[in-house]
Amino acid sequence: MTLRIAYSPCPNDTFVFDAWAHGRVPGAPALDVTFADIDITNGWAEHGGADEYDVLKVSYAVLPWVLDEYALLPCGGALGRGCGPLVLTREAGTELTRKTVAVPSERSTAYLLFRLWAAEVVPEGVGEVVVMPFHEIMPAVRDGKVDAGLVIHEARFTYQDYGLHSLADMGEHWESTTGLPIPLGAIIAKRSLGEETLRLLAESARASVRMAWDDPEASRPYVLEHAQEMDPAVADRHIGLYVNEFTADLGDDGYAAVRGLLTRAAAEGLVPPLGPEALDFV
């Protein structure tokens, strides 16, 4: 059995799936891997463009639209602490009321965290929200094309190279108000695969994570091959932030974080409400 999977070329995903993708996880099904940015896989999951894929890495923010067809795997994804999106500006302390903000996607966890933060901190509301590829956001802020930008991933480590300032840390706000980790990326699989296969997928993902931890150097060629010329030290920091105990097992705190985010977002009218058993695994 070969399953088609799509995940991002980001270091955390290639680190997590390296052993499985290269056939080193005993008993795991073979994988046919496609690399795609998470905004693309979000669209595939939501709009039915993923007919060819059995497993997808998506944002937790897209779950309310796709859980009828897909099951959330309890491992393989990205949650964490101290790893949230940042709002960047050219000048420190910029006021965002009625200002233009660039975001990487309106179906991202980053966007939900931003909107929840803005509802409290910018009561009169930001102005226009512009969606653009995340690698274009920092240059756009630097060049004055937008007033602020919401950035993710390795931009946490590189924004100062663009002369930018961190106005607010969305993850810090989330953690201080909830005490929960930040839910970022999820692994979902088609429910039509059946319970036995879904359990095998979860076991395989968990084993792949643990093998990567046991021998981090084994994954390095795969990580750096797809890291888009990222400095190896930045790639290591990226992995350190986004691959942690929640990647091996969501656990009670992980599930509480996901449900808490989506419940708050539903209360703001940003996502449809979740049913009581929507996040249940098989």
C-alpha atoms as a PDB file:
ATOM      1  CA  MET A   1       0.000   0.000   0.000  1.00  0.00           C
ATOM      2  CA  THR A   2       1.333   3.416  -1.026  1.00  0.00           C
ATOM      3  CA  LEU A   3      -0.373   6.513   0.333  1.00  0.00           C
ATOM      4  CA  ARG A   4      -0.148   9.965  -1.205  1.00  0.00           C
ATOM      5  CA  ILE A   5       0.790  12.688   1.274  1.00  0.00           C
ATOM      6  CA  ALA A   6       1.362  16.429   0.947  1.00  0.00           C
ATOM      7  CA  TYR A   7       3.291  18.484   3.452  1.00  0.00           C
ATOM      8  CA  SER A   8       5.436  21.599   3.398  1.00  0.00           C
ATOM      9  CA  PRO A   9       9.179  21.755   2.687  1.00  0.00           C
ATOM     10  CA  CYS A  10       9.671  23.469   6.055  1.00  0.00           C
ATOM     11  CA  PRO A  11      12.295  21.874   8.329  1.00  0.00           C
ATOM     12  CA  ASN A  12       9.813  20.708  10.940  1.00  0.00           C
ATOM     13  CA  ASP A  13       7.839  18.669   8.389  1.00  0.00           C
ATOM     14  CA  THR A  14      10.854  17.153   6.645  1.00  0.00           C
ATOM     15  CA  PHE A  15      12.392  16.326  10.041  1.00  0.00           C
ATOM     16  CA  VAL A  16       9.189  14.626  11.217  1.00  0.00           C
ATOM     17  CA  PHE A  17       8.541  12.627   8.052  1.00  0.00           C
ATOM     18  CA  ASP A  18      12.107  11.819   6.988  1.00  0.00           C
ATOM     19  CA  ALA A  19      12.248   8.280   8.392  1.00  0.00           C
ATOM     20  CA  TRP A  20       8.775   7.391   7.142  1.00  0.00           C
ATOM     21  CA  ALA A  21       9.222   8.939   3.699  1.00  0.00           C
ATOM     22  CA  HIS A  22      12.470   6.991   3.219  1.00  0.00           C
ATOM     23  CA  GLY A  23      11.099   3.620   4.251  1.00  0.00           C
ATOM     24  CA  ARG A  24      12.852   3.363   7.621  1.00  0.00           C
ATOM     25  CA  VAL A  25       9.715   2.950   9.774  1.00  0.00           C
ATOM     26  CA  PRO A  26       8.980  -0.779  10.146  1.00  0.00           C
ATOM     27  CA  GLY A  27       5.472  -1.732   9.051  1.00  0.00           C
ATOM     28  CA  ALA A  28       4.559   1.754   7.826  1.00  0.00           C
ATOM     29  CA  PRO A  29       2.857   2.146   4.437  1.00  0.00           C
ATOM     30  CA  ALA A  30       4.993   3.614   1.679  1.00  0.00           C
ATOM     31  CA  LEU A  31       4.542   7.332   1.016  1.00  0.00           C
ATOM     32  CA  ASP A  32       4.343   9.216  -2.275  1.00  0.00           C
ATOM     33  CA  VAL A  33       5.280  12.721  -1.136  1.00  0.00           C
ATOM     34  CA  THR A  34       4.250  16.051  -2.665  1.00  0.00           C
ATOM     35  CA  PHE A  35       5.637  19.290  -1.261  1.00  0.00           C
ATOM     36  CA  ALA A  36       3.235  22.214  -1.022  1.00  0.00           C
ATOM     37  CA  ASP A  37       2.937  25.301   1.158  1.00  0.00           C
ATOM     38  CA  ILE A  38       0.293  25.002   3.838  1.00  0.00           C
ATOM     39  CA  ASP A  39      -2.002  27.587   2.259  1.00  0.00           C
ATOM     40  CA  ILE A  40      -2.171  25.291  -0.790  1.00  0.00           C
ATOM     41  CA  THR A  41      -2.900  22.159   1.224  1.00  0.00           C
ATOM     42  CA  ASN A  42      -5.516  24.094   3.193  1.00  0.00           C
ATOM     43  CA  GLY A  43      -7.231  24.878  -0.098  1.00  0.00           C
ATOM     44  CA  TRP A  44      -7.032  21.285  -1.272  1.00  0.00           C
ATOM     45  CA  ALA A  45      -8.618  20.041   1.941  1.00  0.00           C
ATOM     46  CA  GLU A  46     -11.365  22.654   1.984  1.00  0.00           C
ATOM     47  CA  HIS A  47     -12.332  22.772  -1.675  1.00  0.00           C
ATOM     48  CA  GLY A  48     -12.035  19.131  -2.641  1.00  0.00           C
ATOM     49  CA  GLY A  49      -8.828  19.512  -4.610  1.00  0.00           C
ATOM     50  CA  ALA A  50      -7.152  16.795  -2.552  1.00  0.00           C
ATOM     51  CA  ASP A  51      -8.831  13.813  -4.193  1.00  0.00           C
ATOM     52  CA  GLU A  52      -5.400  12.444  -5.020  1.00  0.00           C
ATOM     53  CA  TYR A  53      -4.077  12.780  -1.458  1.00  0.00           C
ATOM     54  CA  ASP A  54      -4.726  10.501   1.488  1.00  0.00           C
ATOM     55  CA  VAL A  55      -2.885  12.585   4.089  1.00  0.00           C
ATOM     56  CA  LEU A  56      -2.359  16.358   4.318  1.00  0.00           C
ATOM     57  CA  LYS A  57      -0.543  18.815   6.551  1.00  0.00           C
ATOM     58  CA  VAL A  58      -2.937  21.721   7.101  1.00  0.00           C
ATOM     59  CA  SER A  59      -3.494  24.578   9.497  1.00  0.00           C
ATOM     60  CA  TYR A  60      -5.622  23.849  12.543  1.00  0.00           C
ATOM     61  CA  ALA A  61      -7.672  26.858  11.475  1.00  0.00           C
ATOM     62  CA  VAL A  62      -9.100  24.971   8.490  1.00  0.00           C
ATOM     63  CA  LEU A  63     -10.397  22.015  10.536  1.00  0.00           C
ATOM     64  CA  PRO A  64     -13.975  23.274  11.005  1.00  0.00           C
ATOM     65  CA  TRP A  65     -14.479  23.106   7.239  1.00  0.00           C
ATOM     66  CA  VAL A  66     -12.962  19.662   6.608  1.00  0.00           C
ATOM     67  CA  LEU A  67     -13.587  17.331   9.552  1.00  0.00           C
ATOM     68  CA  ASP A  68     -16.552  15.630   7.921  1.00  0.00           C
ATOM     69  CA  GLU A  69     -14.193  14.111   5.370  1.00  0.00           C
ATOM     70  CA  TYR A  70     -10.911  14.046   7.286  1.00  0.00           C
ATOM     71  CA  ALA A  71      -9.819  12.774  10.700  1.00  0.00           C
ATOM     72  CA  LEU A  72      -7.329  14.680  12.819  1.00  0.00           C
ATOM     73  CA  LEU A  73      -4.336  12.492  13.610  1.00  0.00           C
ATOM     74  CA  PRO A  74      -3.203  12.777  17.246  1.00  0.00           C
ATOM     75  CA  CYS A  75       0.439  13.211  16.235  1.00  0.00           C
ATOM     76  CA  GLY A  76       2.756  14.567  13.541  1.00  0.00           C
ATOM     77  CA  GLY A  77       1.596  18.173  13.706  1.00  0.00           C
ATOM     78  CA  ALA A  78       2.952  21.372  15.211  1.00  0.00           C
ATOM     79  CA  LEU A  79       1.986  22.924  18.530  1.00  0.00           C
ATOM     80  CA  GLY A  80       4.284  24.639  20.919  1.00  0.00           C
ATOM     81  CA  ARG A  81       5.163  27.430  23.278  1.00  0.00           C
ATOM     82  CA  GLY A  82       7.126  30.541  22.460  1.00  0.00           C
ATOM     83  CA  CYS A  83       6.661  29.913  18.755  1.00  0.00           C
ATOM     84  CA  GLY A  84       3.707  32.072  17.744  1.00  0.00           C
ATOM     85  CA  PRO A  85       3.326  34.430  14.779  1.00  0.00           C
ATOM     86  CA  LEU A  86       4.568  38.004  15.077  1.00  0.00           C
ATOM     87  CA  VAL A  87       3.090  41.311  13.929  1.00  0.00           C
ATOM     88  CA  LEU A  88       5.936  43.347  12.416  1.00  0.00           C
ATOM     89  CA  THR A  89       6.142  47.060  11.608  1.00  0.00           C
ATOM     90  CA  ARG A  90       8.771  49.474  10.284  1.00  0.00           C
ATOM     91  CA  GLU A  91       8.509  51.688  13.350  1.00  0.00           C
ATOM     92  CA  ALA A  92       8.283  50.470  16.931  1.00  0.00           C
ATOM     93  CA  GLY A  93       4.905  50.949  18.581  1.00  0.00           C
ATOM     94  CA  THR A  94       2.929  51.598  15.372  1.00  0.00           C
ATOM     95  CA  GLU A  95      -0.830  51.981  15.964  1.00  0.00           C
ATOM     96  CA  LEU A  96      -2.763  49.550  13.752  1.00  0.00           C
ATOM     97  CA  THR A  97      -6.201  51.178  13.798  1.00  0.00           C
ATOM     98  CA  ARG A  98      -7.438  51.316  10.179  1.00  0.00           C
ATOM     99  CA  LYS A  99      -4.005  50.294   8.897  1.00  0.00           C
ATOM    100  CA  THR A 100      -3.188  47.770   6.148  1.00  0.00           C
ATOM    101  CA  VAL A 101      -1.882  44.429   7.387  1.00  0.00           C
ATOM    102  CA  ALA A 102      -0.392  41.671   5.221  1.00  0.00           C
ATOM    103  CA  VAL A 103      -1.153  38.092   6.286  1.00  0.00           C
ATOM    104  CA  PRO A 104      -0.056  34.760   4.791  1.00  0.00           C
ATOM    105  CA  SER A 105      -3.575  33.292   4.638  1.00  0.00           C
ATOM    106  CA  GLU A 106      -7.060  33.878   5.989  1.00  0.00           C
ATOM    107  CA  ARG A 107      -7.354  30.147   6.689  1.00  0.00           C
ATOM    108  CA  SER A 108      -4.293  30.004   8.940  1.00  0.00           C
ATOM    109  CA  THR A 109      -3.952  29.646  12.673  1.00  0.00           C
ATOM    110  CA  ALA A 110      -1.753  32.751  12.509  1.00  0.00           C
ATOM    111  CA  TYR A 111      -4.688  34.717  11.119  1.00  0.00           C
ATOM    112  CA  LEU A 112      -7.088  33.466  13.805  1.00  0.00           C
ATOM    113  CA  LEU A 113      -4.609  34.369  16.542  1.00  0.00           C
ATOM    114  CA  PHE A 114      -4.148  37.798  14.965  1.00  0.00           C
ATOM    115  CA  ARG A 115      -7.884  38.455  14.778  1.00  0.00           C
ATOM    116  CA  LEU A 116      -8.408  37.324  18.383  1.00  0.00           C
ATOM    117  CA  TRP A 117      -5.555  39.592  19.490  1.00  0.00           C
ATOM    118  CA  ALA A 118      -6.803  42.548  17.431  1.00  0.00           C
ATOM    119  CA  ALA A 119     -10.316  42.187  18.849  1.00  0.00           C
ATOM    120  CA  GLU A 120      -8.842  43.006  22.259  1.00  0.00           C
ATOM    121  CA  VAL A 121      -5.998  45.379  21.394  1.00  0.00           C
ATOM    122  CA  VAL A 122      -7.342  47.253  18.338  1.00  0.00           C
ATOM    123  CA  PRO A 123     -10.982  47.788  19.341  1.00  0.00           C
ATOM    124  CA  GLU A 124     -11.697  50.157  16.441  1.00  0.00           C
ATOM    125  CA  GLY A 125     -10.399  47.538  14.036  1.00  0.00           C
ATOM    126  CA  VAL A 126      -7.514  47.272  11.621  1.00  0.00           C
ATOM    127  CA  GLY A 127      -8.028  48.441   8.066  1.00  0.00           C
ATOM    128  CA  GLU A 128      -7.493  46.338   4.949  1.00  0.00           C
ATOM    129  CA  VAL A 129      -6.118  42.812   5.294  1.00  0.00           C
ATOM    130  CA  VAL A 130      -3.989  41.784   2.307  1.00  0.00           C
ATOM    131  CA  VAL A 131      -3.092  38.138   1.664  1.00  0.00           C
ATOM    132  CA  MET A 132       0.363  37.538   0.199  1.00  0.00           C
ATOM    133  CA  PRO A 133       2.938  34.708   0.205  1.00  0.00           C
ATOM    134  CA  PHE A 134       4.698  34.731   3.564  1.00  0.00           C
ATOM    135  CA  HIS A 135       8.150  35.246   2.020  1.00  0.00           C
ATOM    136  CA  GLU A 136       6.935  38.542   0.500  1.00  0.00           C
ATOM    137  CA  ILE A 137       5.544  39.995   3.724  1.00  0.00           C
ATOM    138  CA  MET A 138       8.709  41.306   5.377  1.00  0.00           C
ATOM    139  CA  PRO A 139       9.948  43.047   2.210  1.00  0.00           C
ATOM    140  CA  ALA A 140       6.487  44.609   1.795  1.00  0.00           C
ATOM    141  CA  VAL A 141       6.580  46.015   5.342  1.00  0.00           C
ATOM    142  CA  ARG A 142      10.162  47.206   4.917  1.00  0.00           C
ATOM    143  CA  ASP A 143       9.315  48.947   1.642  1.00  0.00           C
ATOM    144  CA  GLY A 144       6.176  50.638   3.019  1.00  0.00           C
ATOM    145  CA  LYS A 145       3.749  48.733   0.772  1.00  0.00           C
ATOM    146  CA  VAL A 146       1.782  47.720   3.875  1.00  0.00           C
ATOM    147  CA  ASP A 147       1.714  49.124   7.397  1.00  0.00           C
ATOM    148  CA  ALA A 148       2.273  45.828   9.180  1.00  0.00           C
ATOM    149  CA  GLY A 149       2.789  42.168   8.465  1.00  0.00           C
ATOM    150  CA  LEU A 150       1.859  38.941  10.191  1.00  0.00           C
ATOM    151  CA  VAL A 151       4.791  36.525   9.882  1.00  0.00           C
ATOM    152  CA  ILE A 152       5.360  32.886  10.728  1.00  0.00           C
ATOM    153  CA  HIS A 153       8.056  30.220  10.846  1.00  0.00           C
ATOM    154  CA  GLU A 154      11.682  31.253  10.489  1.00  0.00           C
ATOM    155  CA  ALA A 155      10.743  34.943  10.123  1.00  0.00           C
ATOM    156  CA  ARG A 156      10.874  34.973  13.946  1.00  0.00           C
ATOM    157  CA  PHE A 157      14.636  34.700  13.599  1.00  0.00           C
ATOM    158  CA  THR A 158      15.258  36.922  10.584  1.00  0.00           C
ATOM    159  CA  TYR A 159      12.932  39.953  10.788  1.00  0.00           C
ATOM    160  CA  GLN A 160      15.606  42.183  12.285  1.00  0.00           C
ATOM    161  CA  ASP A 161      17.657  41.674   9.111  1.00  0.00           C
ATOM    162  CA  TYR A 162      14.931  43.713   7.374  1.00  0.00           C
ATOM    163  CA  GLY A 163      15.140  46.516   9.932  1.00  0.00           C
ATOM    164  CA  LEU A 164      11.697  45.645  11.299  1.00  0.00           C
ATOM    165  CA  HIS A 165      10.237  45.729  14.801  1.00  0.00           C
ATOM    166  CA  SER A 166       8.048  43.175  16.550  1.00  0.00           C
ATOM    167  CA  LEU A 167       4.868  44.975  17.564  1.00  0.00           C
ATOM    168  CA  ALA A 168       3.268  41.955  19.204  1.00  0.00           C
ATOM    169  CA  ASP A 169       3.738  38.222  19.619  1.00  0.00           C
ATOM    170  CA  MET A 170       0.473  36.403  18.905  1.00  0.00           C
ATOM    171  CA  GLY A 171       1.656  33.260  20.646  1.00  0.00           C
ATOM    172  CA  GLU A 172       2.676  35.163  23.767  1.00  0.00           C
ATOM    173  CA  HIS A 173      -0.784  36.743  23.886  1.00  0.00           C
ATOM    174  CA  TRP A 174      -2.455  33.351  23.390  1.00  0.00           C
ATOM    175  CA  GLU A 175      -0.370  31.645  26.063  1.00  0.00           C
ATOM    176  CA  SER A 176      -0.808  34.437  28.611  1.00  0.00           C
ATOM    177  CA  THR A 177      -4.593  34.434  28.216  1.00  0.00           C
ATOM    178  CA  THR A 178      -5.158  30.659  28.004  1.00  0.00           C
ATOM    179  CA  GLY A 179      -2.128  28.916  29.505  1.00  0.00           C
ATOM    180  CA  LEU A 180      -2.285  26.523  26.537  1.00  0.00           C
ATOM    181  CA  PRO A 181       0.213  25.730  23.786  1.00  0.00           C
ATOM    182  CA  ILE A 182      -0.196  27.338  20.372  1.00  0.00           C
ATOM    183  CA  PRO A 183      -1.894  25.073  17.794  1.00  0.00           C
ATOM    184  CA  LEU A 184      -0.317  25.633  14.395  1.00  0.00           C
ATOM    185  CA  GLY A 185      -0.218  22.735  11.912  1.00  0.00           C
ATOM    186  CA  ALA A 186      -2.271  19.526  11.890  1.00  0.00           C
ATOM    187  CA  ILE A 187      -1.981  16.191  10.106  1.00  0.00           C
ATOM    188  CA  ILE A 188      -5.285  14.974   8.692  1.00  0.00           C
ATOM    189  CA  ALA A 189      -6.183  11.790   6.812  1.00  0.00           C
ATOM    190  CA  LYS A 190      -9.238  10.697   4.879  1.00  0.00           C
ATOM    191  CA  ARG A 191     -11.805   8.953   7.033  1.00  0.00           C
ATOM    192  CA  SER A 192     -12.575   6.693   4.062  1.00  0.00           C
ATOM    193  CA  LEU A 193      -9.245   4.926   4.647  1.00  0.00           C
ATOM    194  CA  GLY A 194     -10.896   3.144   7.562  1.00  0.00           C
ATOM    195  CA  GLU A 195     -10.072   2.872  11.240  1.00  0.00           C
ATOM    196  CA  GLU A 196      -7.327   0.271  10.893  1.00  0.00           C
ATOM    197  CA  THR A 197      -5.380   2.324   8.360  1.00  0.00           C
ATOM    198  CA  LEU A 198      -5.883   5.548  10.305  1.00  0.00           C
ATOM    199  CA  ARG A 199      -4.426   3.920  13.418  1.00  0.00           C
ATOM    200  CA  LEU A 200      -1.489   2.648  11.359  1.00  0.00           C
ATOM    201  CA  LEU A 201      -0.907   6.175  10.048  1.00  0.00           C
ATOM    202  CA  ALA A 202      -0.823   7.572  13.572  1.00  0.00           C
ATOM    203  CA  GLU A 203       1.570   4.850  14.737  1.00  0.00           C
ATOM    204  CA  SER A 204       3.812   5.462  11.719  1.00  0.00           C
ATOM    205  CA  ALA A 205       3.923   9.231  12.239  1.00  0.00           C
ATOM    206  CA  ARG A 206       4.723   8.810  15.916  1.00  0.00           C
ATOM    207  CA  ALA A 207       7.485   6.308  15.156  1.00  0.00           C
ATOM    208  CA  SER A 208       8.966   8.616  12.509  1.00  0.00           C
ATOM    209  CA  VAL A 209       9.117  11.496  15.002  1.00  0.00           C
ATOM    210  CA  ARG A 210      10.844   9.369  17.604  1.00  0.00           C
ATOM    211  CA  MET A 211      13.356   8.035  15.084  1.00  0.00           C
ATOM    212  CA  ALA A 212      14.205  11.608  14.096  1.00  0.00           C
ATOM    213  CA  TRP A 213      14.810  12.494  17.742  1.00  0.00           C
ATOM    214  CA  ASP A 214      16.944   9.385  18.284  1.00  0.00           C
ATOM    215  CA  ASP A 215      19.184  10.185  15.290  1.00  0.00           C
ATOM    216  CA  PRO A 216      18.805  13.845  14.256  1.00  0.00           C
ATOM    217  CA  GLU A 217      21.702  13.669  11.796  1.00  0.00           C
ATOM    218  CA  ALA A 218      19.872  11.067   9.700  1.00  0.00           C
ATOM    219  CA  SER A 219      17.288  13.636   8.663  1.00  0.00           C
ATOM    220  CA  ARG A 220      19.711  16.504   7.986  1.00  0.00           C
ATOM    221  CA  PRO A 221      20.224  15.896   4.234  1.00  0.00           C
ATOM    222  CA  TYR A 222      16.455  15.758   3.655  1.00  0.00           C
ATOM    223  CA  VAL A 223      15.832  18.837   5.797  1.00  0.00           C
ATOM    224  CA  LEU A 224      18.500  20.963   4.125  1.00  0.00           C
ATOM    225  CA  GLU A 225      17.602  19.765   0.619  1.00  0.00           C
ATOM    226  CA  HIS A 226      14.153  21.315   0.983  1.00  0.00           C
ATOM    227  CA  ALA A 227      14.910  24.216   3.340  1.00  0.00           C
ATOM    228  CA  GLN A 228      15.016  26.791   0.519  1.00  0.00           C
ATOM    229  CA  GLU A 229      18.591  27.934   1.199  1.00  0.00           C
ATOM    230  CA  MET A 230      17.853  28.430   4.889  1.00  0.00           C
ATOM    231  CA  ASP A 231      20.886  28.690   7.126  1.00  0.00           C
ATOM    232  CA  PRO A 232      21.376  25.286   8.827  1.00  0.00           C
ATOM    233  CA  ALA A 233      21.436  26.952  12.251  1.00  0.00           C
ATOM    234  CA  VAL A 234      18.069  28.591  11.527  1.00  0.00           C
ATOM    235  CA  ALA A 235      16.705  25.235  10.367  1.00  0.00           C
ATOM    236  CA  ASP A 236      17.792  23.671  13.662  1.00  0.00           C
ATOM    237  CA  ARG A 237      16.087  26.441  15.656  1.00  0.00           C
ATOM    238  CA  HIS A 238      12.975  25.999  13.537  1.00  0.00           C
ATOM    239  CA  ILE A 239      12.876  22.279  14.347  1.00  0.00           C
ATOM    240  CA  GLY A 240      13.529  22.966  18.014  1.00  0.00           C
ATOM    241  CA  LEU A 241      10.499  25.260  18.214  1.00  0.00           C
ATOM    242  CA  TYR A 242       7.969  23.257  16.231  1.00  0.00           C
ATOM    243  CA  VAL A 243       8.827  19.608  16.928  1.00  0.00           C
ATOM    244  CA  ASN A 244       8.148  18.708  20.555  1.00  0.00           C
ATOM    245  CA  GLU A 245       6.103  16.436  22.795  1.00  0.00           C
ATOM    246  CA  PHE A 246       2.879  17.561  21.105  1.00  0.00           C
ATOM    247  CA  THR A 247       4.236  16.291  17.782  1.00  0.00           C
ATOM    248  CA  ALA A 248       4.494  12.801  19.229  1.00  0.00           C
ATOM    249  CA  ASP A 249       1.121  12.998  20.984  1.00  0.00           C
ATOM    250  CA  LEU A 250      -1.370  15.859  21.241  1.00  0.00           C
ATOM    251  CA  GLY A 251      -2.380  14.788  24.731  1.00  0.00           C
ATOM    252  CA  ASP A 252      -4.948  16.576  26.866  1.00  0.00           C
ATOM    253  CA  ASP A 253      -3.287  19.988  26.613  1.00  0.00           C
ATOM    254  CA  GLY A 254      -2.924  19.716  22.856  1.00  0.00           C
ATOM    255  CA  TYR A 255      -6.574  18.871  22.314  1.00  0.00           C
ATOM    256  CA  ALA A 256      -7.608  21.605  24.754  1.00  0.00           C
ATOM    257  CA  ALA A 257      -5.529  24.110  22.774  1.00  0.00           C
ATOM    258  CA  VAL A 258      -7.089  23.134  19.449  1.00  0.00           C
ATOM    259  CA  ARG A 259     -10.633  23.181  20.769  1.00  0.00           C
ATOM    260  CA  GLY A 260      -9.984  26.395  22.677  1.00  0.00           C
ATOM    261  CA  LEU A 261      -8.689  28.198  19.598  1.00  0.00           C
ATOM    262  CA  LEU A 262     -11.531  27.068  17.367  1.00  0.00           C
ATOM    263  CA  THR A 263     -14.185  27.744  20.018  1.00  0.00           C
ATOM    264  CA  ARG A 264     -12.926  31.308  20.522  1.00  0.00           C
ATOM    265  CA  ALA A 265     -12.686  31.838  16.783  1.00  0.00           C
ATOM    266  CA  ALA A 266     -16.250  30.573  16.312  1.00  0.00           C
ATOM    267  CA  ALA A 267     -17.458  33.012  18.973  1.00  0.00           C
ATOM    268  CA  GLU A 268     -15.921  35.832  16.884  1.00  0.00           C
ATOM    269  CA  GLY A 269     -17.614  34.519  13.740  1.00  0.00           C
ATOM    270  CA  LEU A 270     -14.307  33.541  12.141  1.00  0.00           C
ATOM    271  CA  VAL A 271     -15.001  29.793  11.739  1.00  0.00           C
ATOM    272  CA  PRO A 272     -18.039  27.505  11.919  1.00  0.00           C
ATOM    273  CA  PRO A 273     -18.669  25.988  15.368  1.00  0.00           C
ATOM    274  CA  LEU A 274     -17.266  22.501  16.076  1.00  0.00           C
ATOM    275  CA  GLY A 275     -19.465  19.601  17.047  1.00  0.00           C
ATOM    276  CA  PRO A 276     -18.730  17.902  20.401  1.00  0.00           C
ATOM    277  CA  GLU A 277     -17.019  14.893  18.776  1.00  0.00           C
ATOM    278  CA  ALA A 278     -15.441  16.636  15.775  1.00  0.00           C
ATOM    279  CA  LEU A 279     -11.865  16.240  16.995  1.00  0.00           C
ATOM    280  CA  ASP A 280     -12.231  12.617  18.113  1.00  0.00           C
ATOM    281  CA  PHE A 281      -9.832  10.144  16.551  1.00  0.00           C
ATOM    282  CA  VAL A 282     -11.080   6.641  15.591  1.00  0.00           C
END
